[in-house]
Amino acid sequence: MRREYSDEELKALILNFIMRKGRWGEHYFPIDTMANWLGQVVKNNGKNIKKKVKELANEGYLILHKGNTTASLNPRLKHEIMEYIENNLSDVEQ
């Protein structure tokens, strides 16, 4: 079921998606594919997903690869990422 997410929930949803795929460090995932998959859950078809990916990269949680078309989680911030997901996705299905 689609629903609207707050900015923090959307960021946590992105981090959780990449974490479930096991994409840490040099093992990356295409951003377009992620936007399509998450677009099935997010109410506005995932239009904000790419914007939030860039914000997460600027905050250091994500590492962008291949001309900013793929992303992976920053292994140096593993504990902070797990904490961020727990704090912001507490009421959302994980």
Protein backbone atom coordinates (compact mmCIF):
# COMPACT_ATOMS: atom_id res chain seq x y z
CA MET A 1 0.00 0.00 0.00
CA ARG A 2 1.37 3.39 -0.98
CA ARG A 3 1.64 6.15 1.57
CA GLU A 4 3.44 9.44 2.08
CA TYR A 5 6.65 9.36 4.08
CA SER A 6 8.33 12.21 5.91
CA ASP A 7 11.82 13.16 4.75
CA GLU A 8 13.46 11.28 7.61
CA GLU A 9 11.32 8.19 7.06
CA LEU A 10 12.12 8.21 3.34
CA LYS A 11 15.86 8.44 4.05
CA ALA A 12 15.59 5.56 6.53
CA LEU A 13 13.58 3.56 3.97
CA ILE A 14 16.35 4.06 1.39
CA LEU A 15 19.06 3.04 3.86
CA ASN A 16 17.03 0.01 4.96
CA PHE A 17 16.47 -1.06 1.33
CA ILE A 18 20.19 -0.90 0.52
CA MET A 19 21.09 -2.62 3.79
CA ARG A 20 18.69 -5.51 3.11
CA LYS A 21 20.38 -5.95 -0.26
CA GLY A 22 23.76 -6.16 1.50
CA ARG A 23 25.32 -3.27 -0.43
CA TRP A 24 28.25 -2.03 1.66
CA GLY A 25 31.41 -0.32 0.38
CA GLU A 26 32.36 -1.34 -3.16
CA HIS A 27 29.29 -3.59 -3.56
CA TYR A 28 26.80 -1.08 -4.98
CA PHE A 29 23.20 -0.96 -6.25
CA PRO A 30 21.74 1.05 -9.20
CA ILE A 31 19.85 4.13 -8.03
CA ASP A 32 17.29 3.93 -10.88
CA THR A 33 16.37 0.36 -9.96
CA MET A 34 16.05 1.32 -6.31
CA ALA A 35 13.81 4.28 -7.24
CA ASN A 36 11.57 1.96 -9.28
CA TRP A 37 11.25 -0.58 -6.46
CA LEU A 38 10.66 2.00 -3.74
CA GLY A 39 8.33 3.91 -6.07
CA GLN A 40 5.85 1.07 -5.61
CA VAL A 41 5.67 1.88 -1.87
CA VAL A 42 6.12 5.66 -1.82
CA LYS A 43 3.01 7.66 -2.71
CA ASN A 44 4.58 10.12 -5.17
CA ASN A 45 6.09 7.31 -7.31
CA GLY A 46 9.52 7.83 -5.83
CA LYS A 47 10.21 11.27 -7.29
CA ASN A 48 11.99 12.34 -4.11
CA ILE A 49 14.10 9.19 -3.85
CA LYS A 50 16.97 10.43 -6.04
CA LYS A 51 16.99 13.75 -4.18
CA LYS A 52 17.17 11.98 -0.82
CA VAL A 53 19.95 9.68 -2.10
CA LYS A 54 22.05 12.77 -2.86
CA GLU A 55 21.30 14.18 0.59
CA LEU A 56 22.35 10.90 2.22
CA ALA A 57 25.56 10.94 0.17
CA ASN A 58 26.29 14.49 1.32
CA GLU A 59 25.71 13.40 4.92
CA GLY A 60 28.19 10.55 4.42
CA TYR A 61 25.78 7.63 4.83
CA LEU A 62 25.98 6.61 1.16
CA ILE A 63 28.89 6.30 -1.24
CA LEU A 64 28.08 7.09 -4.88
CA HIS A 65 29.78 5.15 -7.69
CA LYS A 66 29.87 5.13 -11.51
CA GLY A 67 29.09 8.78 -12.12
CA ASN A 68 26.52 8.94 -9.31
CA THR A 69 24.31 6.24 -10.89
CA THR A 70 24.89 3.61 -8.19
CA ALA A 71 25.09 3.77 -4.40
CA SER A 72 26.30 1.71 -1.47
CA LEU A 73 26.31 2.15 2.29
CA ASN A 74 29.37 3.62 3.97
CA PRO A 75 30.85 0.78 6.06
CA ARG A 76 32.56 3.28 8.38
CA LEU A 77 29.14 4.48 9.55
CA LYS A 78 27.55 1.06 10.02
CA HIS A 79 26.41 1.65 13.61
CA GLU A 80 25.08 5.13 12.84
CA ILE A 81 23.16 3.79 9.81
CA MET A 82 21.58 0.99 11.84
CA GLU A 83 20.66 3.48 14.56
CA TYR A 84 19.20 5.93 12.00
CA ILE A 85 17.02 3.18 10.53
CA GLU A 86 15.79 2.03 13.96
CA ASN A 87 14.96 5.57 15.07
CA ASN A 88 13.14 6.63 11.91
CA LEU A 89 11.42 3.42 10.80
CA SER A 90 10.03 2.35 14.15
CA ASP A 91 6.39 2.46 13.03
CA VAL A 92 6.99 1.48 9.40
CA GLU A 93 7.34 -2.08 8.14
CA GLN A 94 10.98 -3.00 7.76
